PDB file of N, CA and C in Angstrom:
ATOM      1  N   MET A   1       3.654  -0.555 -41.069  1.00  0.00           N
ATOM      2  CA  MET A   1       4.114   0.193 -39.902  1.00  0.00           C
ATOM      3  C   MET A   1       5.577   0.565 -40.098  1.00  0.00           C
ATOM      4  N   CYS A   2       5.880   1.791 -39.823  1.00  0.00           N
ATOM      5  CA  CYS A   2       7.261   2.265 -39.898  1.00  0.00           C
ATOM      6  C   CYS A   2       8.088   1.559 -38.823  1.00  0.00           C
ATOM      7  N   GLU A   3       9.140   0.900 -39.238  1.00  0.00           N
ATOM      8  CA  GLU A   3       9.936   0.156 -38.262  1.00  0.00           C
ATOM      9  C   GLU A   3      10.743   1.055 -37.343  1.00  0.00           C
ATOM     10  N   HIS A   4      10.913   2.313 -37.735  1.00  0.00           N
ATOM     11  CA  HIS A   4      11.666   3.241 -36.891  1.00  0.00           C
ATOM     12  C   HIS A   4      10.802   3.899 -35.815  1.00  0.00           C
ATOM     13  N   HIS A   5       9.534   4.191 -36.146  1.00  0.00           N
ATOM     14  CA  HIS A   5       8.687   4.985 -35.250  1.00  0.00           C
ATOM     15  C   HIS A   5       7.422   4.271 -34.787  1.00  0.00           C
ATOM     16  N   LEU A   6       7.164   3.085 -35.340  1.00  0.00           N
ATOM     17  CA  LEU A   6       5.985   2.284 -34.990  1.00  0.00           C
ATOM     18  C   LEU A   6       4.673   3.029 -35.201  1.00  0.00           C
ATOM     19  N   VAL A   7       4.580   3.746 -36.308  1.00  0.00           N
ATOM     20  CA  VAL A   7       3.342   4.410 -36.704  1.00  0.00           C
ATOM     21  C   VAL A   7       2.996   3.962 -38.132  1.00  0.00           C
ATOM     22  N   PRO A   8       1.731   4.088 -38.526  1.00  0.00           N
ATOM     23  CA  PRO A   8       1.306   3.595 -39.841  1.00  0.00           C
ATOM     24  C   PRO A   8       1.905   4.360 -41.021  1.00  0.00           C
ATOM     25  N   ILE A   9       1.970   3.635 -42.133  1.00  0.00           N
ATOM     26  CA  ILE A   9       2.298   4.182 -43.438  1.00  0.00           C
ATOM     27  C   ILE A   9       1.096   3.860 -44.317  1.00  0.00           C
ATOM     28  N   TYR A  10       0.515   4.881 -44.955  1.00  0.00           N
ATOM     29  CA  TYR A  10      -0.652   4.681 -45.817  1.00  0.00           C
ATOM     30  C   TYR A  10      -0.278   5.016 -47.250  1.00  0.00           C
ATOM     31  N   GLY A  11      -0.708   4.179 -48.195  1.00  0.00           N
ATOM     32  CA  GLY A  11      -0.412   4.488 -49.579  1.00  0.00           C
ATOM     33  C   GLY A  11      -0.964   3.453 -50.522  1.00  0.00           C
ATOM     34  N   HIS A  12      -0.430   3.480 -51.731  1.00  0.00           N
ATOM     35  CA  HIS A  12      -0.838   2.474 -52.710  1.00  0.00           C
ATOM     36  C   HIS A  12       0.380   2.000 -53.502  1.00  0.00           C
ATOM     37  N   VAL A  13       0.227   0.806 -54.046  1.00  0.00           N
ATOM     38  CA  VAL A  13       1.295   0.150 -54.781  1.00  0.00           C
ATOM     39  C   VAL A  13       0.822  -0.081 -56.207  1.00  0.00           C
ATOM     40  N   SER A  14       1.674   0.259 -57.166  1.00  0.00           N
ATOM     41  CA  SER A  14       1.407  -0.041 -58.570  1.00  0.00           C
ATOM     42  C   SER A  14       2.415  -1.089 -59.015  1.00  0.00           C
ATOM     43  N   ILE A  15       1.908  -2.149 -59.645  1.00  0.00           N
ATOM     44  CA  ILE A  15       2.761  -3.244 -60.099  1.00  0.00           C
ATOM     45  C   ILE A  15       2.499  -3.486 -61.573  1.00  0.00           C
ATOM     46  N   GLY A  16       3.578  -3.623 -62.311  1.00  0.00           N
ATOM     47  CA  GLY A  16       3.497  -4.046 -63.706  1.00  0.00           C
ATOM     48  C   GLY A  16       4.491  -5.169 -63.909  1.00  0.00           C
ATOM     49  N   TYR A  17       4.130  -6.143 -64.729  1.00  0.00           N
ATOM     50  CA  TYR A  17       5.107  -7.179 -65.051  1.00  0.00           C
ATOM     51  C   TYR A  17       4.842  -7.691 -66.463  1.00  0.00           C
ATOM     52  N   LEU A  18       5.888  -8.175 -67.093  1.00  0.00           N
ATOM     53  CA  LEU A  18       5.811  -8.742 -68.430  1.00  0.00           C
ATOM     54  C   LEU A  18       5.950 -10.255 -68.292  1.00  0.00           C
ATOM     55  N   PRO A  19       4.849 -10.984 -68.464  1.00  0.00           N
ATOM     56  CA  PRO A  19       4.892 -12.431 -68.251  1.00  0.00           C
ATOM     57  C   PRO A  19       5.884 -13.111 -69.191  1.00  0.00           C
ATOM     58  N   ASN A  20       6.458 -14.177 -68.699  1.00  0.00           N
ATOM     59  CA  ASN A  20       7.320 -15.020 -69.513  1.00  0.00           C
ATOM     60  C   ASN A  20       6.487 -16.221 -69.945  1.00  0.00           C
ATOM     61  N   LYS A  21       6.224 -17.128 -69.030  1.00  0.00           N
ATOM     62  CA  LYS A  21       5.362 -18.278 -69.319  1.00  0.00           C
ATOM     63  C   LYS A  21       4.185 -18.367 -68.365  1.00  0.00           C
ATOM     64  N   GLN A  22       4.291 -17.691 -67.233  1.00  0.00           N
ATOM     65  CA  GLN A  22       3.237 -17.761 -66.219  1.00  0.00           C
ATOM     66  C   GLN A  22       2.632 -16.380 -65.991  1.00  0.00           C
ATOM     67  N   VAL A  23       1.348 -16.396 -65.659  1.00  0.00           N
ATOM     68  CA  VAL A  23       0.628 -15.176 -65.330  1.00  0.00           C
ATOM     69  C   VAL A  23       0.082 -15.322 -63.919  1.00  0.00           C
ATOM     70  N   LEU A  24       0.206 -14.261 -63.141  1.00  0.00           N
ATOM     71  CA  LEU A  24      -0.334 -14.264 -61.775  1.00  0.00           C
ATOM     72  C   LEU A  24      -1.749 -13.705 -61.771  1.00  0.00           C
ATOM     73  N   GLY A  25      -2.592 -14.262 -60.925  1.00  0.00           N
ATOM     74  CA  GLY A  25      -3.908 -13.680 -60.716  1.00  0.00           C
ATOM     75  C   GLY A  25      -3.766 -12.397 -59.915  1.00  0.00           C
ATOM     76  N   LEU A  26      -4.695 -11.494 -60.081  1.00  0.00           N
ATOM     77  CA  LEU A  26      -4.624 -10.205 -59.381  1.00  0.00           C
ATOM     78  C   LEU A  26      -4.584 -10.382 -57.867  1.00  0.00           C
ATOM     79  N   SER A  27      -5.298 -11.380 -57.360  1.00  0.00           N
ATOM     80  CA  SER A  27      -5.298 -11.584 -55.910  1.00  0.00           C
ATOM     81  C   SER A  27      -3.913 -11.977 -55.401  1.00  0.00           C
ATOM     82  N   LYS A  28      -3.133 -12.651 -56.236  1.00  0.00           N
ATOM     83  CA  LYS A  28      -1.771 -13.034 -55.819  1.00  0.00           C
ATOM     84  C   LYS A  28      -0.893 -11.798 -55.670  1.00  0.00           C
ATOM     85  N   LEU A  29      -1.067 -10.824 -56.547  1.00  0.00           N
ATOM     86  CA  LEU A  29      -0.303  -9.575 -56.436  1.00  0.00           C
ATOM     87  C   LEU A  29      -0.686  -8.849 -55.148  1.00  0.00           C
ATOM     88  N   ALA A  30      -1.976  -8.807 -54.857  1.00  0.00           N
ATOM     89  CA  ALA A  30      -2.429  -8.165 -53.620  1.00  0.00           C
ATOM     90  C   ALA A  30      -1.877  -8.888 -52.396  1.00  0.00           C
ATOM     91  N   ARG A  31      -1.795 -10.200 -52.469  1.00  0.00           N
ATOM     92  CA  ARG A  31      -1.268 -10.970 -51.337  1.00  0.00           C
ATOM     93  C   ARG A  31       0.220 -10.705 -51.115  1.00  0.00           C
ATOM     94  N   VAL A  32       0.965 -10.561 -52.191  1.00  0.00           N
ATOM     95  CA  VAL A  32       2.394 -10.250 -52.060  1.00  0.00           C
ATOM     96  C   VAL A  32       2.559  -8.894 -51.380  1.00  0.00           C
ATOM     97  N   VAL A  33       1.799  -7.908 -51.824  1.00  0.00           N
ATOM     98  CA  VAL A  33       1.866  -6.581 -51.214  1.00  0.00           C
ATOM     99  C   VAL A  33       1.480  -6.665 -49.740  1.00  0.00           C
ATOM    100  N   GLU A  34       0.403  -7.362 -49.453  1.00  0.00           N
ATOM    101  CA  GLU A  34      -0.054  -7.474 -48.071  1.00  0.00           C
ATOM    102  C   GLU A  34       0.982  -8.172 -47.191  1.00  0.00           C
ATOM    103  N   MET A  35       1.608  -9.204 -47.714  1.00  0.00           N
ATOM    104  CA  MET A  35       2.597  -9.950 -46.937  1.00  0.00           C
ATOM    105  C   MET A  35       3.749  -9.040 -46.492  1.00  0.00           C
ATOM    106  N   TYR A  36       4.246  -8.210 -47.398  1.00  0.00           N
ATOM    107  CA  TYR A  36       5.380  -7.351 -47.056  1.00  0.00           C
ATOM    108  C   TYR A  36       4.964  -6.077 -46.327  1.00  0.00           C
ATOM    109  N   SER A  37       3.753  -5.623 -46.525  1.00  0.00           N
ATOM    110  CA  SER A  37       3.336  -4.370 -45.883  1.00  0.00           C
ATOM    111  C   SER A  37       2.823  -4.568 -44.460  1.00  0.00           C
ATOM    112  N   ARG A  38       2.510  -5.778 -44.078  1.00  0.00           N
ATOM    113  CA  ARG A  38       1.963  -6.034 -42.743  1.00  0.00           C
ATOM    114  C   ARG A  38       3.030  -6.148 -41.659  1.00  0.00           C
ATOM    115  N   ARG A  39       4.281  -6.134 -42.047  1.00  0.00           N
ATOM    116  CA  ARG A  39       5.347  -6.244 -41.050  1.00  0.00           C
ATOM    117  C   ARG A  39       5.966  -4.878 -40.789  1.00  0.00           C
ATOM    118  N   LEU A  40       6.727  -4.772 -39.724  1.00  0.00           N
ATOM    119  CA  LEU A  40       7.496  -3.546 -39.514  1.00  0.00           C
ATOM    120  C   LEU A  40       8.371  -3.370 -40.742  1.00  0.00           C
ATOM    121  N   GLN A  41       8.384  -2.161 -41.308  1.00  0.00           N
ATOM    122  CA  GLN A  41       8.928  -2.043 -42.649  1.00  0.00           C
ATOM    123  C   GLN A  41       9.512  -0.668 -42.916  1.00  0.00           C
ATOM    124  N   VAL A  42      10.369  -0.625 -43.907  1.00  0.00           N
ATOM    125  CA  VAL A  42      10.870   0.604 -44.506  1.00  0.00           C
ATOM    126  C   VAL A  42      10.382   0.579 -45.947  1.00  0.00           C
ATOM    127  N   GLN A  43       9.832   1.663 -46.426  1.00  0.00           N
ATOM    128  CA  GLN A  43       9.200   1.684 -47.747  1.00  0.00           C
ATOM    129  C   GLN A  43      10.151   1.248 -48.853  1.00  0.00           C
ATOM    130  N   GLU A  44      11.380   1.700 -48.818  1.00  0.00           N
ATOM    131  CA  GLU A  44      12.346   1.351 -49.872  1.00  0.00           C
ATOM    132  C   GLU A  44      12.569  -0.162 -49.939  1.00  0.00           C
ATOM    133  N   ARG A  45      12.710  -0.792 -48.786  1.00  0.00           N
ATOM    134  CA  ARG A  45      12.921  -2.232 -48.748  1.00  0.00           C
ATOM    135  C   ARG A  45      11.680  -2.972 -49.225  1.00  0.00           C
ATOM    136  N   MET A  46      10.511  -2.544 -48.769  1.00  0.00           N
ATOM    137  CA  MET A  46       9.267  -3.187 -49.162  1.00  0.00           C
ATOM    138  C   MET A  46       9.088  -3.150 -50.682  1.00  0.00           C
ATOM    139  N   THR A  47       9.382  -2.026 -51.292  1.00  0.00           N
ATOM    140  CA  THR A  47       9.257  -1.888 -52.742  1.00  0.00           C
ATOM    141  C   THR A  47      10.125  -2.925 -53.448  1.00  0.00           C
ATOM    142  N   ARG A  48      11.362  -3.039 -53.015  1.00  0.00           N
ATOM    143  CA  ARG A  48      12.299  -4.006 -53.594  1.00  0.00           C
ATOM    144  C   ARG A  48      11.839  -5.443 -53.331  1.00  0.00           C
ATOM    145  N   GLN A  49      11.349  -5.725 -52.131  1.00  0.00           N
ATOM    146  CA  GLN A  49      10.907  -7.079 -51.782  1.00  0.00           C
ATOM    147  C   GLN A  49       9.734  -7.534 -52.645  1.00  0.00           C
ATOM    148  N   ILE A  50       8.817  -6.639 -52.921  1.00  0.00           N
ATOM    149  CA  ILE A  50       7.669  -6.980 -53.772  1.00  0.00           C
ATOM    150  C   ILE A  50       8.153  -7.366 -55.163  1.00  0.00           C
ATOM    151  N   ALA A  51       9.042  -6.556 -55.736  1.00  0.00           N
ATOM    152  CA  ALA A  51       9.578  -6.853 -57.073  1.00  0.00           C
ATOM    153  C   ALA A  51      10.345  -8.175 -57.081  1.00  0.00           C
ATOM    154  N   GLU A  52      11.147  -8.410 -56.060  1.00  0.00           N
ATOM    155  CA  GLU A  52      11.926  -9.658 -55.976  1.00  0.00           C
ATOM    156  C   GLU A  52      11.022 -10.871 -55.830  1.00  0.00           C
ATOM    157  N   ALA A  53       9.958 -10.761 -55.037  1.00  0.00           N
ATOM    158  CA  ALA A  53       9.055 -11.896 -54.832  1.00  0.00           C
ATOM    159  C   ALA A  53       8.366 -12.289 -56.135  1.00  0.00           C
ATOM    160  N   ILE A  54       7.925 -11.310 -56.900  1.00  0.00           N
ATOM    161  CA  ILE A  54       7.267 -11.597 -58.179  1.00  0.00           C
ATOM    162  C   ILE A  54       8.268 -12.206 -59.153  1.00  0.00           C
ATOM    163  N   THR A  55       9.476 -11.666 -59.164  1.00  0.00           N
ATOM    164  CA  THR A  55      10.517 -12.188 -60.044  1.00  0.00           C
ATOM    165  C   THR A  55      10.840 -13.641 -59.708  1.00  0.00           C
ATOM    166  N   GLN A  56      10.980 -13.944 -58.433  1.00  0.00           N
ATOM    167  CA  GLN A  56      11.299 -15.316 -58.021  1.00  0.00           C
ATOM    168  C   GLN A  56      10.147 -16.277 -58.297  1.00  0.00           C
ATOM    169  N   ALA A  57       8.920 -15.800 -58.157  1.00  0.00           N
ATOM    170  CA  ALA A  57       7.756 -16.679 -58.305  1.00  0.00           C
ATOM    171  C   ALA A  57       7.516 -17.114 -59.745  1.00  0.00           C
ATOM    172  N   ILE A  58       7.639 -16.198 -60.708  1.00  0.00           N
ATOM    173  CA  ILE A  58       7.244 -16.538 -62.086  1.00  0.00           C
ATOM    174  C   ILE A  58       8.286 -16.209 -63.145  1.00  0.00           C
ATOM    175  N   ASN A  59       9.431 -15.674 -62.746  1.00  0.00           N
ATOM    176  CA  ASN A  59      10.510 -15.359 -63.682  1.00  0.00           C
ATOM    177  C   ASN A  59      10.019 -14.583 -64.917  1.00  0.00           C
ATOM    178  N   PRO A  60       9.373 -13.432 -64.709  1.00  0.00           N
ATOM    179  CA  PRO A  60       8.891 -12.647 -65.845  1.00  0.00           C
ATOM    180  C   PRO A  60      10.063 -11.970 -66.562  1.00  0.00           C
ATOM    181  N   THR A  61       9.795 -11.393 -67.734  1.00  0.00           N
ATOM    182  CA  THR A  61      10.865 -10.679 -68.437  1.00  0.00           C
ATOM    183  C   THR A  61      11.107  -9.303 -67.831  1.00  0.00           C
ATOM    184  N   GLY A  62      10.199  -8.848 -66.993  1.00  0.00           N
ATOM    185  CA  GLY A  62      10.389  -7.579 -66.303  1.00  0.00           C
ATOM    186  C   GLY A  62       9.335  -7.348 -65.247  1.00  0.00           C
ATOM    187  N   VAL A  63       9.718  -6.587 -64.216  1.00  0.00           N
ATOM    188  CA  VAL A  63       8.797  -6.214 -63.139  1.00  0.00           C
ATOM    189  C   VAL A  63       9.057  -4.755 -62.785  1.00  0.00           C
ATOM    190  N   GLY A  64       7.964  -4.008 -62.605  1.00  0.00           N
ATOM    191  CA  GLY A  64       8.053  -2.643 -62.107  1.00  0.00           C
ATOM    192  C   GLY A  64       7.129  -2.476 -60.918  1.00  0.00           C
ATOM    193  N   VAL A  65       7.647  -1.881 -59.852  1.00  0.00           N
ATOM    194  CA  VAL A  65       6.843  -1.631 -58.653  1.00  0.00           C
ATOM    195  C   VAL A  65       7.074  -0.189 -58.238  1.00  0.00           C
ATOM    196  N   VAL A  66       5.982   0.535 -58.036  1.00  0.00           N
ATOM    197  CA  VAL A  66       6.047   1.908 -57.548  1.00  0.00           C
ATOM    198  C   VAL A  66       5.135   2.001 -56.326  1.00  0.00           C
ATOM    199  N   VAL A  67       5.676   2.546 -55.241  1.00  0.00           N
ATOM    200  CA  VAL A  67       4.911   2.724 -54.009  1.00  0.00           C
ATOM    201  C   VAL A  67       4.875   4.213 -53.688  1.00  0.00           C
ATOM    202  N   GLU A  68       3.669   4.731 -53.488  1.00  0.00           N
ATOM    203  CA  GLU A  68       3.479   6.119 -53.072  1.00  0.00           C
ATOM    204  C   GLU A  68       2.757   6.096 -51.739  1.00  0.00           C
ATOM    205  N   ALA A  69       3.378   6.693 -50.715  1.00  0.00           N
ATOM    206  CA  ALA A  69       2.808   6.565 -49.378  1.00  0.00           C
ATOM    207  C   ALA A  69       3.010   7.825 -48.545  1.00  0.00           C
ATOM    208  N   THR A  70       2.114   7.962 -47.578  1.00  0.00           N
ATOM    209  CA  THR A  70       2.212   9.002 -46.564  1.00  0.00           C
ATOM    210  C   THR A  70       2.628   8.324 -45.271  1.00  0.00           C
ATOM    211  N   HIS A  71       3.671   8.848 -44.667  1.00  0.00           N
ATOM    212  CA  HIS A  71       4.209   8.272 -43.439  1.00  0.00           C
ATOM    213  C   HIS A  71       3.718   9.107 -42.253  1.00  0.00           C
ATOM    214  N   MET A  72       3.030   8.456 -41.350  1.00  0.00           N
ATOM    215  CA  MET A  72       2.523   9.176 -40.179  1.00  0.00           C
ATOM    216  C   MET A  72       3.663   9.754 -39.335  1.00  0.00           C
ATOM    217  N   CYS A  73       4.841   9.171 -39.412  1.00  0.00           N
ATOM    218  CA  CYS A  73       5.973   9.732 -38.668  1.00  0.00           C
ATOM    219  C   CYS A  73       6.368  11.097 -39.231  1.00  0.00           C
ATOM    220  N   MET A  74       6.057  11.348 -40.519  1.00  0.00           N
ATOM    221  CA  MET A  74       6.340  12.660 -41.117  1.00  0.00           C
ATOM    222  C   MET A  74       5.238  13.669 -40.808  1.00  0.00           C
ATOM    223  N   SER A  75       4.009  13.196 -40.676  1.00  0.00           N
ATOM    224  CA  SER A  75       2.898  14.136 -40.515  1.00  0.00           C
ATOM    225  C   SER A  75       2.497  14.377 -39.061  1.00  0.00           C
ATOM    226  N   THR A  76       2.817  13.459 -38.162  1.00  0.00           N
ATOM    227  CA  THR A  76       2.377  13.635 -36.776  1.00  0.00           C
ATOM    228  C   THR A  76       3.506  13.872 -35.785  1.00  0.00           C
ATOM    229  N   ARG A  77       4.731  13.650 -36.197  1.00  0.00           N
ATOM    230  CA  ARG A  77       5.869  13.845 -35.304  1.00  0.00           C
ATOM    231  C   ARG A  77       6.854  14.809 -35.970  1.00  0.00           C
ATOM    232  N   GLY A  78       7.854  15.184 -35.269  1.00  0.00           N
ATOM    233  CA  GLY A  78       8.980  15.930 -35.835  1.00  0.00           C
ATOM    234  C   GLY A  78       8.590  17.092 -36.715  1.00  0.00           C
ATOM    235  N   VAL A  79       8.851  16.963 -38.022  1.00  0.00           N
ATOM    236  CA  VAL A  79       8.648  18.074 -38.960  1.00  0.00           C
ATOM    237  C   VAL A  79       7.184  18.379 -39.243  1.00  0.00           C
ATOM    238  N   GLN A  80       6.280  17.452 -38.978  1.00  0.00           N
ATOM    239  CA  GLN A  80       4.839  17.604 -39.159  1.00  0.00           C
ATOM    240  C   GLN A  80       4.461  18.141 -40.541  1.00  0.00           C
ATOM    241  N   LYS A  81       4.902  17.462 -41.560  1.00  0.00           N
ATOM    242  CA  LYS A  81       4.579  17.796 -42.950  1.00  0.00           C
ATOM    243  C   LYS A  81       3.405  16.927 -43.399  1.00  0.00           C
ATOM    244  N   VAL A  82       2.198  17.429 -43.176  1.00  0.00           N
ATOM    245  CA  VAL A  82       0.967  16.659 -43.378  1.00  0.00           C
ATOM    246  C   VAL A  82       0.792  16.206 -44.827  1.00  0.00           C
ATOM    247  N   GLN A  83       1.137  17.019 -45.780  1.00  0.00           N
ATOM    248  CA  GLN A  83       0.906  16.702 -47.188  1.00  0.00           C
ATOM    249  C   GLN A  83       2.059  15.939 -47.847  1.00  0.00           C
ATOM    250  N   SER A  84       3.072  15.574 -47.098  1.00  0.00           N
ATOM    251  CA  SER A  84       4.238  14.926 -47.711  1.00  0.00           C
ATOM    252  C   SER A  84       3.924  13.495 -48.138  1.00  0.00           C
ATOM    253  N   LYS A  85       4.508  13.100 -49.266  1.00  0.00           N
ATOM    254  CA  LYS A  85       4.392  11.733 -49.769  1.00  0.00           C
ATOM    255  C   LYS A  85       5.780  11.268 -50.164  1.00  0.00           C
ATOM    256  N   THR A  86       5.981   9.978 -50.047  1.00  0.00           N
ATOM    257  CA  THR A  86       7.241   9.379 -50.453  1.00  0.00           C
ATOM    258  C   THR A  86       6.949   8.402 -51.582  1.00  0.00           C
ATOM    259  N   ILE A  87       7.725   8.499 -52.648  1.00  0.00           N
ATOM    260  CA  ILE A  87       7.559   7.612 -53.797  1.00  0.00           C
ATOM    261  C   ILE A  87       8.851   6.818 -53.970  1.00  0.00           C
ATOM    262  N   THR A  88       8.703   5.493 -54.050  1.00  0.00           N
ATOM    263  CA  THR A  88       9.845   4.621 -54.287  1.00  0.00           C
ATOM    264  C   THR A  88       9.523   3.701 -55.460  1.00  0.00           C
ATOM    265  N   SER A  89      10.572   3.239 -56.134  1.00  0.00           N
ATOM    266  CA  SER A  89      10.355   2.321 -57.253  1.00  0.00           C
ATOM    267  C   SER A  89      11.434   1.261 -57.289  1.00  0.00           C
ATOM    268  N   SER A  90      11.077   0.143 -57.875  1.00  0.00           N
ATOM    269  CA  SER A  90      12.019  -0.938 -58.141  1.00  0.00           C
ATOM    270  C   SER A  90      11.713  -1.446 -59.540  1.00  0.00           C
ATOM    271  N   MET A  91      12.708  -1.386 -60.406  1.00  0.00           N
ATOM    272  CA  MET A  91      12.552  -1.832 -61.790  1.00  0.00           C
ATOM    273  C   MET A  91      13.515  -2.988 -62.048  1.00  0.00           C
ATOM    274  N   VAL A  92      12.982  -4.079 -62.589  1.00  0.00           N
ATOM    275  CA  VAL A  92      13.762  -5.287 -62.834  1.00  0.00           C
ATOM    276  C   VAL A  92      13.594  -5.706 -64.300  1.00  0.00           C
ATOM    277  N   GLY A  93      14.635  -6.251 -64.884  1.00  0.00           N
ATOM    278  CA  GLY A  93      14.553  -6.778 -66.251  1.00  0.00           C
ATOM    279  C   GLY A  93      14.262  -5.686 -67.261  1.00  0.00           C
ATOM    280  N   MET A  94      13.268  -5.931 -68.121  1.00  0.00           N
ATOM    281  CA  MET A  94      12.939  -4.989 -69.200  1.00  0.00           C
ATOM    282  C   MET A  94      12.523  -3.619 -68.669  1.00  0.00           C
ATOM    283  N   PHE A  95      11.948  -3.564 -67.494  1.00  0.00           N
ATOM    284  CA  PHE A  95      11.561  -2.273 -66.925  1.00  0.00           C
ATOM    285  C   PHE A  95      12.795  -1.442 -66.576  1.00  0.00           C
ATOM    286  N   ARG A  96      13.901  -2.087 -66.323  1.00  0.00           N
ATOM    287  CA  ARG A  96      15.147  -1.387 -66.021  1.00  0.00           C
ATOM    288  C   ARG A  96      15.950  -1.146 -67.293  1.00  0.00           C
ATOM    289  N   GLU A  97      15.954  -2.138 -68.193  1.00  0.00           N
ATOM    290  CA  GLU A  97      16.807  -2.097 -69.379  1.00  0.00           C
ATOM    291  C   GLU A  97      16.224  -1.306 -70.540  1.00  0.00           C
ATOM    292  N   ASP A  98      14.913  -1.302 -70.696  1.00  0.00           N
ATOM    293  CA  ASP A  98      14.274  -0.676 -71.854  1.00  0.00           C
ATOM    294  C   ASP A  98      13.527   0.588 -71.433  1.00  0.00           C
ATOM    295  N   PRO A  99      14.056   1.756 -71.806  1.00  0.00           N
ATOM    296  CA  PRO A  99      13.414   3.013 -71.406  1.00  0.00           C
ATOM    297  C   PRO A  99      11.957   3.142 -71.879  1.00  0.00           C
ATOM    298  N   LYS A 100      11.628   2.587 -73.031  1.00  0.00           N
ATOM    299  CA  LYS A 100      10.251   2.680 -73.544  1.00  0.00           C
ATOM    300  C   LYS A 100       9.288   1.863 -72.676  1.00  0.00           C
ATOM    301  N   THR A 101       9.715   0.691 -72.264  1.00  0.00           N
ATOM    302  CA  THR A 101       8.882  -0.147 -71.393  1.00  0.00           C
ATOM    303  C   THR A 101       8.655   0.549 -70.064  1.00  0.00           C
ATOM    304  N   ARG A 102       9.730   1.071 -69.500  1.00  0.00           N
ATOM    305  CA  ARG A 102       9.630   1.784 -68.212  1.00  0.00           C
ATOM    306  C   ARG A 102       8.732   3.008 -68.350  1.00  0.00           C
ATOM    307  N   GLU A 103       8.899   3.777 -69.415  1.00  0.00           N
ATOM    308  CA  GLU A 103       8.104   4.990 -69.612  1.00  0.00           C
ATOM    309  C   GLU A 103       6.623   4.668 -69.787  1.00  0.00           C
ATOM    310  N   GLU A 104       6.309   3.596 -70.498  1.00  0.00           N
ATOM    311  CA  GLU A 104       4.903   3.206 -70.662  1.00  0.00           C
ATOM    312  C   GLU A 104       4.278   2.871 -69.306  1.00  0.00           C
ATOM    313  N   PHE A 105       4.993   2.107 -68.494  1.00  0.00           N
ATOM    314  CA  PHE A 105       4.507   1.750 -67.162  1.00  0.00           C
ATOM    315  C   PHE A 105       4.301   2.998 -66.309  1.00  0.00           C
ATOM    316  N   LEU A 106       5.297   3.866 -66.271  1.00  0.00           N
ATOM    317  CA  LEU A 106       5.194   5.074 -65.449  1.00  0.00           C
ATOM    318  C   LEU A 106       4.100   6.016 -65.944  1.00  0.00           C
ATOM    319  N   SER A 107       3.895   6.088 -67.258  1.00  0.00           N
ATOM    320  CA  SER A 107       2.836   6.960 -67.776  1.00  0.00           C
ATOM    321  C   SER A 107       1.452   6.415 -67.429  1.00  0.00           C
ATOM    322  N   LEU A 108       1.295   5.092 -67.404  1.00  0.00           N
ATOM    323  CA  LEU A 108       0.011   4.509 -66.989  1.00  0.00           C
ATOM    324  C   LEU A 108      -0.279   4.825 -65.527  1.00  0.00           C
ATOM    325  N   ILE A 109       0.735   4.772 -64.696  1.00  0.00           N
ATOM    326  CA  ILE A 109       0.557   5.127 -63.289  1.00  0.00           C
ATOM    327  C   ILE A 109       0.168   6.593 -63.166  1.00  0.00           C
ATOM    328  N   LYS A 110       0.857   7.434 -63.896  1.00  0.00           N
ATOM    329  CA  LYS A 110       0.605   8.879 -63.835  1.00  0.00           C
ATOM    330  C   LYS A 110      -0.821   9.209 -64.301  1.00  0.00           C
ATOM    331  N   GLN A 111      -1.283   8.565 -65.368  1.00  0.00           N
ATOM    332  CA  GLN A 111      -2.637   8.795 -65.888  1.00  0.00           C
ATOM    333  C   GLN A 111      -3.701   8.440 -64.857  1.00  0.00           C
ATOM    334  N   ASN A 112      -3.436   7.444 -64.065  1.00  0.00           N
ATOM    335  CA  ASN A 112      -4.424   6.953 -63.106  1.00  0.00           C
ATOM    336  C   ASN A 112      -4.210   7.471 -61.700  1.00  0.00           C
ATOM    337  N   ALA A 113      -3.190   8.284 -61.483  1.00  0.00           N
ATOM    338  CA  ALA A 113      -2.843   8.757 -60.134  1.00  0.00           C
ATOM    339  C   ALA A 113      -3.982   9.513 -59.470  1.00  0.00           C
ATOM    340  N   ASN A 114      -4.716  10.291 -60.201  1.00  0.00           N
ATOM    341  CA  ASN A 114      -5.785  11.087 -59.619  1.00  0.00           C
ATOM    342  C   ASN A 114      -7.049  10.280 -59.329  1.00  0.00           C
ATOM    343  N   LYS A 115      -7.086   9.046 -59.774  1.00  0.00           N
ATOM    344  CA  LYS A 115      -8.270   8.208 -59.573  1.00  0.00           C
ATOM    345  C   LYS A 115      -8.252   7.478 -58.232  1.00  0.00           C
ATOM    346  N   TYR A 116      -7.132   7.510 -57.502  1.00  0.00           N
ATOM    347  CA  TYR A 116      -7.035   6.767 -56.240  1.00  0.00           C
ATOM    348  C   TYR A 116      -7.613   7.563 -55.137  1.00  0.00           C
TER     349      TYR A 116
END
């Protein structure tokens, strides 16, 4: 829910991480996303919070989070831009430091974007 307008935000989250010593189960990643998305939220903050939570939990060598969402406050109020989407990202560790790692992650998201 948009914390400014109290209307839904719909979208999907892509997460990539490079394990250090621990690996998370897929359900744990979904739970992290659900935990931060169920509260009144701003997309930019939520994206960062997801990356920080994974980093704190397992100390991976890198984390990448990309959120693509449609905000009902953009499509039903004010400017009424029905087709608008907002994309935010948070890159930590190798995803921030190594352009090849970041590019591989982003290209995988791009390849699968039409499948959602």
